[in-house]
Amino acid sequence: MEGTPEGAMGRREAYNRRSAPLESLAREYDAQASEILHGPDGPAVSEEISGFAIGIASAREGSEQNDQIERLLNRLKLRKPGIFKNIDEDPRERLAFTLSLVGTYQRSLQ
């Protein structure tokens, strides 16, 4: 697909995803995050998120916040690796999914 229009479109989309803000990528995972939080893994995932949510919310956006999200991501991968089975293995995509889990969790508390 190197020289095909589909290949060019795929490369353009990958570039756009790499340059998009993490928050906008996270919104694309909201439905999956809601499904996880309301499914059988929900209580365990919520418990993990609750320990990190305040730190993520209070961290300055950028590398400080990303560090907090990455710490949560690593905890979730250890405790509930199955929640990532439908998420691309790209580290940025997984960070976005984790951020979506946090946002969905926080909205469920309101």
PDB file of N, CA and C in Angstrom:
ATOM      1  N   MET A   1       0.821  -1.195   0.000  1.00  0.00           N
ATOM      2  CA  MET A   1       0.000   0.000   0.000  1.00  0.00           C
ATOM      3  C   MET A   1       0.862   1.255   0.000  1.00  0.00           C
ATOM      4  N   GLU A   2       2.139   1.098  -0.216  1.00  0.00           N
ATOM      5  CA  GLU A   2       3.068   2.219  -0.136  1.00  0.00           C
ATOM      6  C   GLU A   2       2.674   3.376  -1.052  1.00  0.00           C
ATOM      7  N   GLY A   3       2.395   3.113  -2.318  1.00  0.00           N
ATOM      8  CA  GLY A   3       2.117   4.182  -3.259  1.00  0.00           C
ATOM      9  C   GLY A   3       0.640   4.390  -3.543  1.00  0.00           C
ATOM     10  N   THR A   4      -0.224   3.781  -2.792  1.00  0.00           N
ATOM     11  CA  THR A   4      -1.657   3.868  -3.056  1.00  0.00           C
ATOM     12  C   THR A   4      -2.276   5.046  -2.309  1.00  0.00           C
ATOM     13  N   PRO A   5      -3.418   5.511  -2.758  1.00  0.00           N
ATOM     14  CA  PRO A   5      -4.118   6.580  -2.031  1.00  0.00           C
ATOM     15  C   PRO A   5      -4.483   6.159  -0.600  1.00  0.00           C
ATOM     16  N   GLU A   6      -4.801   4.870  -0.431  1.00  0.00           N
ATOM     17  CA  GLU A   6      -5.143   4.380   0.909  1.00  0.00           C
ATOM     18  C   GLU A   6      -3.931   4.466   1.835  1.00  0.00           C
ATOM     19  N   GLY A   7      -2.758   4.144   1.286  1.00  0.00           N
ATOM     20  CA  GLY A   7      -1.535   4.231   2.081  1.00  0.00           C
ATOM     21  C   GLY A   7      -1.238   5.658   2.488  1.00  0.00           C
ATOM     22  N   ALA A   8      -1.422   6.589   1.556  1.00  0.00           N
ATOM     23  CA  ALA A   8      -1.204   8.011   1.858  1.00  0.00           C
ATOM     24  C   ALA A   8      -2.187   8.487   2.916  1.00  0.00           C
ATOM     25  N   MET A   9      -3.434   8.045   2.814  1.00  0.00           N
ATOM     26  CA  MET A   9      -4.443   8.436   3.795  1.00  0.00           C
ATOM     27  C   MET A   9      -4.101   7.879   5.176  1.00  0.00           C
ATOM     28  N   GLY A  10      -3.633   6.645   5.215  1.00  0.00           N
ATOM     29  CA  GLY A  10      -3.247   6.032   6.488  1.00  0.00           C
ATOM     30  C   GLY A  10      -2.082   6.758   7.130  1.00  0.00           C
ATOM     31  N   ARG A  11      -1.087   7.144   6.328  1.00  0.00           N
ATOM     32  CA  ARG A  11       0.056   7.883   6.861  1.00  0.00           C
ATOM     33  C   ARG A  11      -0.372   9.253   7.380  1.00  0.00           C
ATOM     34  N   ARG A  12      -1.280   9.902   6.644  1.00  0.00           N
ATOM     35  CA  ARG A  12      -1.773  11.219   7.055  1.00  0.00           C
ATOM     36  C   ARG A  12      -2.544  11.109   8.377  1.00  0.00           C
ATOM     37  N   GLU A  13      -3.369  10.072   8.487  1.00  0.00           N
ATOM     38  CA  GLU A  13      -4.129   9.885   9.729  1.00  0.00           C
ATOM     39  C   GLU A  13      -3.188   9.604  10.900  1.00  0.00           C
ATOM     40  N   ALA A  14      -2.176   8.772  10.688  1.00  0.00           N
ATOM     41  CA  ALA A  14      -1.206   8.478  11.753  1.00  0.00           C
ATOM     42  C   ALA A  14      -0.485   9.749  12.183  1.00  0.00           C
ATOM     43  N   TYR A  15      -0.116  10.586  11.215  1.00  0.00           N
ATOM     44  CA  TYR A  15       0.550  11.844  11.548  1.00  0.00           C
ATOM     45  C   TYR A  15      -0.390  12.736  12.356  1.00  0.00           C
ATOM     46  N   ASN A  16      -1.638  12.839  11.929  1.00  0.00           N
ATOM     47  CA  ASN A  16      -2.608  13.675  12.636  1.00  0.00           C
ATOM     48  C   ASN A  16      -2.824  13.190  14.065  1.00  0.00           C
ATOM     49  N   ARG A  17      -2.846  11.879  14.266  1.00  0.00           N
ATOM     50  CA  ARG A  17      -3.041  11.330  15.614  1.00  0.00           C
ATOM     51  C   ARG A  17      -1.829  11.624  16.491  1.00  0.00           C
ATOM     52  N   ARG A  18      -0.631  11.551  15.920  1.00  0.00           N
ATOM     53  CA  ARG A  18       0.581  11.829  16.701  1.00  0.00           C
ATOM     54  C   ARG A  18       0.662  13.290  17.113  1.00  0.00           C
ATOM     55  N   SER A  19       0.113  14.183  16.307  1.00  0.00           N
ATOM     56  CA  SER A  19       0.216  15.603  16.606  1.00  0.00           C
ATOM     57  C   SER A  19      -1.011  16.148  17.345  1.00  0.00           C
ATOM     58  N   ALA A  20      -2.049  15.355  17.484  1.00  0.00           N
ATOM     59  CA  ALA A  20      -3.270  15.800  18.169  1.00  0.00           C
ATOM     60  C   ALA A  20      -3.041  15.850  19.672  1.00  0.00           C
ATOM     61  N   PRO A  21      -3.704  16.775  20.353  1.00  0.00           N
ATOM     62  CA  PRO A  21      -3.620  16.801  21.815  1.00  0.00           C
ATOM     63  C   PRO A  21      -4.151  15.498  22.413  1.00  0.00           C
ATOM     64  N   LEU A  22      -3.546  15.065  23.491  1.00  0.00           N
ATOM     65  CA  LEU A  22      -3.932  13.817  24.140  1.00  0.00           C
ATOM     66  C   LEU A  22      -5.414  13.829  24.526  1.00  0.00           C
ATOM     67  N   GLU A  23      -5.908  14.979  24.956  1.00  0.00           N
ATOM     68  CA  GLU A  23      -7.306  15.091  25.376  1.00  0.00           C
ATOM     69  C   GLU A  23      -8.271  14.804  24.229  1.00  0.00           C
ATOM     70  N   SER A  24      -7.919  15.241  23.018  1.00  0.00           N
ATOM     71  CA  SER A  24      -8.820  14.977  21.890  1.00  0.00           C
ATOM     72  C   SER A  24      -8.799  13.506  21.502  1.00  0.00           C
ATOM     73  N   LEU A  25      -7.639  12.866  21.620  1.00  0.00           N
ATOM     74  CA  LEU A  25      -7.583  11.421  21.374  1.00  0.00           C
ATOM     75  C   LEU A  25      -8.390  10.675  22.429  1.00  0.00           C
ATOM     76  N   ALA A  26      -8.302  11.140  23.667  1.00  0.00           N
ATOM     77  CA  ALA A  26      -9.007  10.471  24.767  1.00  0.00           C
ATOM     78  C   ALA A  26     -10.509  10.451  24.534  1.00  0.00           C
ATOM     79  N   ARG A  27     -11.045  11.536  23.989  1.00  0.00           N
ATOM     80  CA  ARG A  27     -12.503  11.588  23.743  1.00  0.00           C
ATOM     81  C   ARG A  27     -12.949  10.478  22.797  1.00  0.00           C
ATOM     82  N   GLU A  28     -12.071  10.056  21.908  1.00  0.00           N
ATOM     83  CA  GLU A  28     -12.431   8.991  20.974  1.00  0.00           C
ATOM     84  C   GLU A  28     -12.591   7.641  21.671  1.00  0.00           C
ATOM     85  N   TYR A  29     -12.068   7.531  22.871  1.00  0.00           N
ATOM     86  CA  TYR A  29     -12.146   6.265  23.618  1.00  0.00           C
ATOM     87  C   TYR A  29     -13.236   6.279  24.694  1.00  0.00           C
ATOM     88  N   ASP A  30     -14.021   7.336  24.763  1.00  0.00           N
ATOM     89  CA  ASP A  30     -15.012   7.448  25.839  1.00  0.00           C
ATOM     90  C   ASP A  30     -16.009   6.292  25.874  1.00  0.00           C
ATOM     91  N   ALA A  31     -16.464   5.830  24.724  1.00  0.00           N
ATOM     92  CA  ALA A  31     -17.432   4.724  24.711  1.00  0.00           C
ATOM     93  C   ALA A  31     -16.800   3.451  25.262  1.00  0.00           C
ATOM     94  N   GLN A  32     -15.558   3.167  24.860  1.00  0.00           N
ATOM     95  CA  GLN A  32     -14.869   1.979  25.367  1.00  0.00           C
ATOM     96  C   GLN A  32     -14.597   2.114  26.868  1.00  0.00           C
ATOM     97  N   ALA A  33     -14.227   3.309  27.294  1.00  0.00           N
ATOM     98  CA  ALA A  33     -13.953   3.524  28.718  1.00  0.00           C
ATOM     99  C   ALA A  33     -15.218   3.305  29.544  1.00  0.00           C
ATOM    100  N   SER A  34     -16.328   3.812  29.060  1.00  0.00           N
ATOM    101  CA  SER A  34     -17.600   3.632  29.765  1.00  0.00           C
ATOM    102  C   SER A  34     -17.964   2.157  29.845  1.00  0.00           C
ATOM    103  N   GLU A  35     -17.738   1.446  28.754  1.00  0.00           N
ATOM    104  CA  GLU A  35     -18.020   0.007  28.727  1.00  0.00           C
ATOM    105  C   GLU A  35     -17.176  -0.733  29.771  1.00  0.00           C
ATOM    106  N   ILE A  36     -15.914  -0.392  29.876  1.00  0.00           N
ATOM    107  CA  ILE A  36     -15.019  -1.027  30.855  1.00  0.00           C
ATOM    108  C   ILE A  36     -15.493  -0.716  32.273  1.00  0.00           C
ATOM    109  N   LEU A  37     -15.783   0.559  32.547  1.00  0.00           N
ATOM    110  CA  LEU A  37     -16.156   0.967  33.899  1.00  0.00           C
ATOM    111  C   LEU A  37     -17.507   0.410  34.340  1.00  0.00           C
ATOM    112  N   HIS A  38     -18.362   0.080  33.382  1.00  0.00           N
ATOM    113  CA  HIS A  38     -19.670  -0.486  33.732  1.00  0.00           C
ATOM    114  C   HIS A  38     -19.704  -2.004  33.573  1.00  0.00           C
ATOM    115  N   GLY A  39     -18.582  -2.582  33.204  1.00  0.00           N
ATOM    116  CA  GLY A  39     -18.501  -4.024  33.013  1.00  0.00           C
ATOM    117  C   GLY A  39     -17.943  -4.734  34.231  1.00  0.00           C
ATOM    118  N   PRO A  40     -17.618  -6.003  34.085  1.00  0.00           N
ATOM    119  CA  PRO A  40     -17.136  -6.799  35.209  1.00  0.00           C
ATOM    120  C   PRO A  40     -15.800  -6.305  35.786  1.00  0.00           C
ATOM    121  N   ASP A  41     -14.975  -5.642  34.974  1.00  0.00           N
ATOM    122  CA  ASP A  41     -13.708  -5.110  35.471  1.00  0.00           C
ATOM    123  C   ASP A  41     -13.858  -3.730  36.096  1.00  0.00           C
ATOM    124  N   GLY A  42     -15.041  -3.159  36.007  1.00  0.00           N
ATOM    125  CA  GLY A  42     -15.287  -1.800  36.471  1.00  0.00           C
ATOM    126  C   GLY A  42     -14.865  -1.506  37.898  1.00  0.00           C
ATOM    127  N   PRO A  43     -15.260  -2.327  38.874  1.00  0.00           N
ATOM    128  CA  PRO A  43     -14.876  -2.019  40.253  1.00  0.00           C
ATOM    129  C   PRO A  43     -13.354  -1.982  40.466  1.00  0.00           C
ATOM    130  N   ALA A  44     -12.642  -2.926  39.908  1.00  0.00           N
ATOM    131  CA  ALA A  44     -11.187  -2.954  40.076  1.00  0.00           C
ATOM    132  C   ALA A  44     -10.522  -1.773  39.368  1.00  0.00           C
ATOM    133  N   VAL A  45     -10.999  -1.458  38.169  1.00  0.00           N
ATOM    134  CA  VAL A  45     -10.442  -0.332  37.419  1.00  0.00           C
ATOM    135  C   VAL A  45     -10.756   0.974  38.145  1.00  0.00           C
ATOM    136  N   SER A  46     -11.974   1.119  38.627  1.00  0.00           N
ATOM    137  CA  SER A  46     -12.358   2.327  39.378  1.00  0.00           C
ATOM    138  C   SER A  46     -11.503   2.498  40.623  1.00  0.00           C
ATOM    139  N   GLU A  47     -11.235   1.408  41.297  1.00  0.00           N
ATOM    140  CA  GLU A  47     -10.400   1.460  42.498  1.00  0.00           C
ATOM    141  C   GLU A  47      -8.999   1.988  42.160  1.00  0.00           C
ATOM    142  N   GLU A  48      -8.425   1.503  41.087  1.00  0.00           N
ATOM    143  CA  GLU A  48      -7.104   1.978  40.665  1.00  0.00           C
ATOM    144  C   GLU A  48      -7.152   3.449  40.281  1.00  0.00           C
ATOM    145  N   ILE A  49      -8.174   3.824  39.523  1.00  0.00           N
ATOM    146  CA  ILE A  49      -8.288   5.209  39.076  1.00  0.00           C
ATOM    147  C   ILE A  49      -8.446   6.146  40.261  1.00  0.00           C
ATOM    148  N   SER A  50      -9.228   5.739  41.248  1.00  0.00           N
ATOM    149  CA  SER A  50      -9.476   6.623  42.394  1.00  0.00           C
ATOM    150  C   SER A  50      -8.186   7.011  43.105  1.00  0.00           C
ATOM    151  N   GLY A  51      -7.214   6.136  43.099  1.00  0.00           N
ATOM    152  CA  GLY A  51      -5.938   6.445  43.733  1.00  0.00           C
ATOM    153  C   GLY A  51      -5.084   7.425  42.948  1.00  0.00           C
ATOM    154  N   PHE A  52      -5.387   7.607  41.674  1.00  0.00           N
ATOM    155  CA  PHE A  52      -4.592   8.478  40.809  1.00  0.00           C
ATOM    156  C   PHE A  52      -5.347   9.719  40.334  1.00  0.00           C
ATOM    157  N   ALA A  53      -6.666   9.716  40.428  1.00  0.00           N
ATOM    158  CA  ALA A  53      -7.481  10.775  39.817  1.00  0.00           C
ATOM    159  C   ALA A  53      -7.121  12.164  40.322  1.00  0.00           C
ATOM    160  N   ILE A  54      -6.927  12.311  41.606  1.00  0.00           N
ATOM    161  CA  ILE A  54      -6.604  13.629  42.156  1.00  0.00           C
ATOM    162  C   ILE A  54      -5.240  14.100  41.660  1.00  0.00           C
ATOM    163  N   GLY A  55      -4.268  13.209  41.645  1.00  0.00           N
ATOM    164  CA  GLY A  55      -2.939  13.564  41.153  1.00  0.00           C
ATOM    165  C   GLY A  55      -2.956  13.960  39.694  1.00  0.00           C
ATOM    166  N   ILE A  56      -3.757  13.271  38.891  1.00  0.00           N
ATOM    167  CA  ILE A  56      -3.851  13.595  37.470  1.00  0.00           C
ATOM    168  C   ILE A  56      -4.545  14.942  37.287  1.00  0.00           C
ATOM    169  N   ALA A  57      -5.617  15.167  38.035  1.00  0.00           N
ATOM    170  CA  ALA A  57      -6.368  16.415  37.910  1.00  0.00           C
ATOM    171  C   ALA A  57      -5.546  17.611  38.386  1.00  0.00           C
ATOM    172  N   SER A  58      -4.742  17.432  39.416  1.00  0.00           N
ATOM    173  CA  SER A  58      -3.987  18.553  39.961  1.00  0.00           C
ATOM    174  C   SER A  58      -2.643  18.771  39.264  1.00  0.00           C
ATOM    175  N   ALA A  59      -2.195  17.808  38.484  1.00  0.00           N
ATOM    176  CA  ALA A  59      -0.922  17.948  37.774  1.00  0.00           C
ATOM    177  C   ALA A  59      -1.063  18.966  36.656  1.00  0.00           C
ATOM    178  N   ARG A  60       0.001  19.692  36.418  1.00  0.00           N
ATOM    179  CA  ARG A  60       0.001  20.622  35.297  1.00  0.00           C
ATOM    180  C   ARG A  60      -0.053  19.821  34.006  1.00  0.00           C
ATOM    181  N   GLU A  61      -0.793  20.356  33.041  1.00  0.00           N
ATOM    182  CA  GLU A  61      -0.891  19.670  31.756  1.00  0.00           C
ATOM    183  C   GLU A  61       0.487  19.557  31.141  1.00  0.00           C
ATOM    184  N   GLY A  62       0.672  18.519  30.381  1.00  0.00           N
ATOM    185  CA  GLY A  62       1.967  18.296  29.752  1.00  0.00           C
ATOM    186  C   GLY A  62       2.665  17.115  30.384  1.00  0.00           C
ATOM    187  N   SER A  63       3.976  17.220  30.543  1.00  0.00           N
ATOM    188  CA  SER A  63       4.753  16.066  30.989  1.00  0.00           C
ATOM    189  C   SER A  63       4.406  15.631  32.412  1.00  0.00           C
ATOM    190  N   GLU A  64       4.077  16.573  33.298  1.00  0.00           N
ATOM    191  CA  GLU A  64       3.720  16.204  34.668  1.00  0.00           C
ATOM    192  C   GLU A  64       2.439  15.370  34.688  1.00  0.00           C
ATOM    193  N   GLN A  65       1.447  15.807  33.921  1.00  0.00           N
ATOM    194  CA  GLN A  65       0.198  15.060  33.859  1.00  0.00           C
ATOM    195  C   GLN A  65       0.408  13.726  33.148  1.00  0.00           C
ATOM    196  N   ASN A  66       1.184  13.734  32.075  1.00  0.00           N
ATOM    197  CA  ASN A  66       1.459  12.496  31.352  1.00  0.00           C
ATOM    198  C   ASN A  66       2.155  11.477  32.236  1.00  0.00           C
ATOM    199  N   ASP A  67       3.056  11.933  33.116  1.00  0.00           N
ATOM    200  CA  ASP A  67       3.726  11.021  34.040  1.00  0.00           C
ATOM    201  C   ASP A  67       2.722  10.348  34.966  1.00  0.00           C
ATOM    202  N   GLN A  68       1.770  11.113  35.472  1.00  0.00           N
ATOM    203  CA  GLN A  68       0.740  10.555  36.352  1.00  0.00           C
ATOM    204  C   GLN A  68      -0.133   9.544  35.598  1.00  0.00           C
ATOM    205  N   ILE A  69      -0.506   9.889  34.380  1.00  0.00           N
ATOM    206  CA  ILE A  69      -1.333   8.990  33.572  1.00  0.00           C
ATOM    207  C   ILE A  69      -0.560   7.718  33.259  1.00  0.00           C
ATOM    208  N   GLU A  70       0.719   7.860  32.971  1.00  0.00           N
ATOM    209  CA  GLU A  70       1.538   6.685  32.662  1.00  0.00           C
ATOM    210  C   GLU A  70       1.677   5.775  33.884  1.00  0.00           C
ATOM    211  N   ARG A  71       1.777   6.351  35.065  1.00  0.00           N
ATOM    212  CA  ARG A  71       1.836   5.535  36.286  1.00  0.00           C
ATOM    213  C   ARG A  71       0.549   4.727  36.445  1.00  0.00           C
ATOM    214  N   LEU A  72      -0.588   5.363  36.209  1.00  0.00           N
ATOM    215  CA  LEU A  72      -1.877   4.658  36.271  1.00  0.00           C
ATOM    216  C   LEU A  72      -1.940   3.583  35.196  1.00  0.00           C
ATOM    217  N   LEU A  73      -1.520   3.908  33.991  1.00  0.00           N
ATOM    218  CA  LEU A  73      -1.498   2.937  32.892  1.00  0.00           C
ATOM    219  C   LEU A  73      -0.713   1.698  33.283  1.00  0.00           C
ATOM    220  N   ASN A  74       0.456   1.881  33.870  1.00  0.00           N
ATOM    221  CA  ASN A  74       1.287   0.741  34.278  1.00  0.00           C
ATOM    222  C   ASN A  74       0.591  -0.094  35.351  1.00  0.00           C
ATOM    223  N   ARG A  75      -0.092   0.555  36.286  1.00  0.00           N
ATOM    224  CA  ARG A  75      -0.831  -0.184  37.322  1.00  0.00           C
ATOM    225  C   ARG A  75      -1.966  -0.996  36.709  1.00  0.00           C
ATOM    226  N   LEU A  76      -2.687  -0.369  35.780  1.00  0.00           N
ATOM    227  CA  LEU A  76      -3.795  -1.072  35.136  1.00  0.00           C
ATOM    228  C   LEU A  76      -3.304  -2.232  34.288  1.00  0.00           C
ATOM    229  N   LYS A  77      -2.175  -2.069  33.616  1.00  0.00           N
ATOM    230  CA  LYS A  77      -1.626  -3.167  32.810  1.00  0.00           C
ATOM    231  C   LYS A  77      -1.251  -4.348  33.692  1.00  0.00           C
ATOM    232  N   LEU A  78      -0.804  -4.078  34.902  1.00  0.00           N
ATOM    233  CA  LEU A  78      -0.460  -5.166  35.822  1.00  0.00           C
ATOM    234  C   LEU A  78      -1.701  -5.834  36.391  1.00  0.00           C
ATOM    235  N   ARG A  79      -2.679  -5.039  36.776  1.00  0.00           N
ATOM    236  CA  ARG A  79      -3.843  -5.576  37.469  1.00  0.00           C
ATOM    237  C   ARG A  79      -4.938  -6.073  36.516  1.00  0.00           C
ATOM    238  N   LYS A  80      -5.169  -5.349  35.433  1.00  0.00           N
ATOM    239  CA  LYS A  80      -6.249  -5.693  34.497  1.00  0.00           C
ATOM    240  C   LYS A  80      -5.766  -5.536  33.050  1.00  0.00           C
ATOM    241  N   PRO A  81      -4.828  -6.351  32.615  1.00  0.00           N
ATOM    242  CA  PRO A  81      -4.276  -6.182  31.259  1.00  0.00           C
ATOM    243  C   PRO A  81      -5.313  -6.383  30.156  1.00  0.00           C
ATOM    244  N   GLY A  82      -6.377  -7.117  30.430  1.00  0.00           N
ATOM    245  CA  GLY A  82      -7.396  -7.396  29.423  1.00  0.00           C
ATOM    246  C   GLY A  82      -8.151  -6.165  28.945  1.00  0.00           C
ATOM    247  N   ILE A  83      -8.147  -5.098  29.735  1.00  0.00           N
ATOM    248  CA  ILE A  83      -8.897  -3.908  29.314  1.00  0.00           C
ATOM    249  C   ILE A  83      -8.232  -3.216  28.123  1.00  0.00           C
ATOM    250  N   PHE A  84      -6.986  -3.576  27.836  1.00  0.00           N
ATOM    251  CA  PHE A  84      -6.256  -2.954  26.726  1.00  0.00           C
ATOM    252  C   PHE A  84      -6.264  -3.810  25.454  1.00  0.00           C
ATOM    253  N   LYS A  85      -7.002  -4.908  25.453  1.00  0.00           N
ATOM    254  CA  LYS A  85      -6.944  -5.835  24.324  1.00  0.00           C
ATOM    255  C   LYS A  85      -7.399  -5.211  23.011  1.00  0.00           C
ATOM    256  N   ASN A  86      -8.306  -4.248  23.031  1.00  0.00           N
ATOM    257  CA  ASN A  86      -8.790  -3.615  21.802  1.00  0.00           C
ATOM    258  C   ASN A  86      -8.160  -2.247  21.543  1.00  0.00           C
ATOM    259  N   ILE A  87      -7.117  -1.926  22.294  1.00  0.00           N
ATOM    260  CA  ILE A  87      -6.443  -0.636  22.147  1.00  0.00           C
ATOM    261  C   ILE A  87      -5.119  -0.863  21.436  1.00  0.00           C
ATOM    262  N   ASP A  88      -4.846  -0.022  20.455  1.00  0.00           N
ATOM    263  CA  ASP A  88      -3.582  -0.090  19.722  1.00  0.00           C
ATOM    264  C   ASP A  88      -2.422  -0.099  20.717  1.00  0.00           C
ATOM    265  N   GLU A  89      -1.366  -0.804  20.411  1.00  0.00           N
ATOM    266  CA  GLU A  89      -0.228  -0.908  21.330  1.00  0.00           C
ATOM    267  C   GLU A  89       0.642   0.337  21.348  1.00  0.00           C
ATOM    268  N   ASP A  90       0.326   1.320  20.529  1.00  0.00           N
ATOM    269  CA  ASP A  90       1.060   2.575  20.530  1.00  0.00           C
ATOM    270  C   ASP A  90       0.962   3.216  21.920  1.00  0.00           C
ATOM    271  N   PRO A  91       2.087   3.584  22.525  1.00  0.00           N
ATOM    272  CA  PRO A  91       2.053   4.147  23.882  1.00  0.00           C
ATOM    273  C   PRO A  91       1.145   5.379  24.013  1.00  0.00           C
ATOM    274  N   ARG A  92       1.115   6.224  23.003  1.00  0.00           N
ATOM    275  CA  ARG A  92       0.294   7.430  23.069  1.00  0.00           C
ATOM    276  C   ARG A  92      -1.194   7.081  23.029  1.00  0.00           C
ATOM    277  N   GLU A  93      -1.554   6.078  22.248  1.00  0.00           N
ATOM    278  CA  GLU A  93      -2.950   5.642  22.198  1.00  0.00           C
ATOM    279  C   GLU A  93      -3.368   5.063  23.548  1.00  0.00           C
ATOM    280  N   ARG A  94      -2.483   4.330  24.172  1.00  0.00           N
ATOM    281  CA  ARG A  94      -2.801   3.753  25.487  1.00  0.00           C
ATOM    282  C   ARG A  94      -2.905   4.831  26.563  1.00  0.00           C
ATOM    283  N   LEU A  95      -2.064   5.863  26.465  1.00  0.00           N
ATOM    284  CA  LEU A  95      -2.189   6.995  27.388  1.00  0.00           C
ATOM    285  C   LEU A  95      -3.533   7.685  27.187  1.00  0.00           C
ATOM    286  N   ALA A  96      -3.933   7.866  25.933  1.00  0.00           N
ATOM    287  CA  ALA A  96      -5.213   8.506  25.642  1.00  0.00           C
ATOM    288  C   ALA A  96      -6.373   7.674  26.203  1.00  0.00           C
ATOM    289  N   PHE A  97      -6.310   6.364  26.042  1.00  0.00           N
ATOM    290  CA  PHE A  97      -7.360   5.499  26.582  1.00  0.00           C
ATOM    291  C   PHE A  97      -7.406   5.607  28.109  1.00  0.00           C
ATOM    292  N   THR A  98      -6.246   5.618  28.740  1.00  0.00           N
ATOM    293  CA  THR A  98      -6.190   5.738  30.198  1.00  0.00           C
ATOM    294  C   THR A  98      -6.759   7.075  30.645  1.00  0.00           C
ATOM    295  N   LEU A  99      -6.433   8.142  29.935  1.00  0.00           N
ATOM    296  CA  LEU A  99      -7.000   9.456  30.251  1.00  0.00           C
ATOM    297  C   LEU A  99      -8.513   9.436  30.086  1.00  0.00           C
ATOM    298  N   SER A 100      -9.003   8.740  29.087  1.00  0.00           N
ATOM    299  CA  SER A 100     -10.446   8.611  28.900  1.00  0.00           C
ATOM    300  C   SER A 100     -11.082   7.859  30.064  1.00  0.00           C
ATOM    301  N   LEU A 101     -10.419   6.824  30.544  1.00  0.00           N
ATOM    302  CA  LEU A 101     -10.928   6.102  31.719  1.00  0.00           C
ATOM    303  C   LEU A 101     -11.053   7.042  32.913  1.00  0.00           C
ATOM    304  N   VAL A 102     -10.041   7.880  33.122  1.00  0.00           N
ATOM    305  CA  VAL A 102     -10.061   8.825  34.247  1.00  0.00           C
ATOM    306  C   VAL A 102     -11.209   9.813  34.082  1.00  0.00           C
ATOM    307  N   GLY A 103     -11.341  10.383  32.885  1.00  0.00           N
ATOM    308  CA  GLY A 103     -12.418  11.348  32.646  1.00  0.00           C
ATOM    309  C   GLY A 103     -13.795  10.735  32.812  1.00  0.00           C
ATOM    310  N   THR A 104     -13.970   9.535  32.296  1.00  0.00           N
ATOM    311  CA  THR A 104     -15.252   8.850  32.410  1.00  0.00           C
ATOM    312  C   THR A 104     -15.553   8.525  33.868  1.00  0.00           C
ATOM    313  N   TYR A 105     -14.539   8.104  34.602  1.00  0.00           N
ATOM    314  CA  TYR A 105     -14.690   7.821  36.031  1.00  0.00           C
ATOM    315  C   TYR A 105     -15.111   9.093  36.778  1.00  0.00           C
ATOM    316  N   GLN A 106     -14.429  10.198  36.505  1.00  0.00           N
ATOM    317  CA  GLN A 106     -14.741  11.450  37.199  1.00  0.00           C
ATOM    318  C   GLN A 106     -16.145  11.943  36.877  1.00  0.00           C
ATOM    319  N   ARG A 107     -16.566  11.806  35.618  1.00  0.00           N
ATOM    320  CA  ARG A 107     -17.939  12.216  35.255  1.00  0.00           C
ATOM    321  C   ARG A 107     -18.968  11.336  35.943  1.00  0.00           C
ATOM    322  N   SER A 108     -18.642  10.073  36.189  1.00  0.00           N
ATOM    323  CA  SER A 108     -19.603   9.184  36.842  1.00  0.00           C
ATOM    324  C   SER A 108     -19.808   9.538  38.321  1.00  0.00           C
ATOM    325  N   LEU A 109     -18.856  10.270  38.896  1.00  0.00           N
ATOM    326  CA  LEU A 109     -18.977  10.673  40.292  1.00  0.00           C
ATOM    327  C   LEU A 109     -19.845  11.916  40.484  1.00  0.00           C
ATOM    328  N   GLN A 110     -20.111  12.637  39.411  1.00  0.00           N
ATOM    329  CA  GLN A 110     -20.852  13.887  39.522  1.00  0.00           C
ATOM    330  C   GLN A 110     -22.350  13.668  39.554  1.00  0.00           C
TER     331      GLN A 110
END
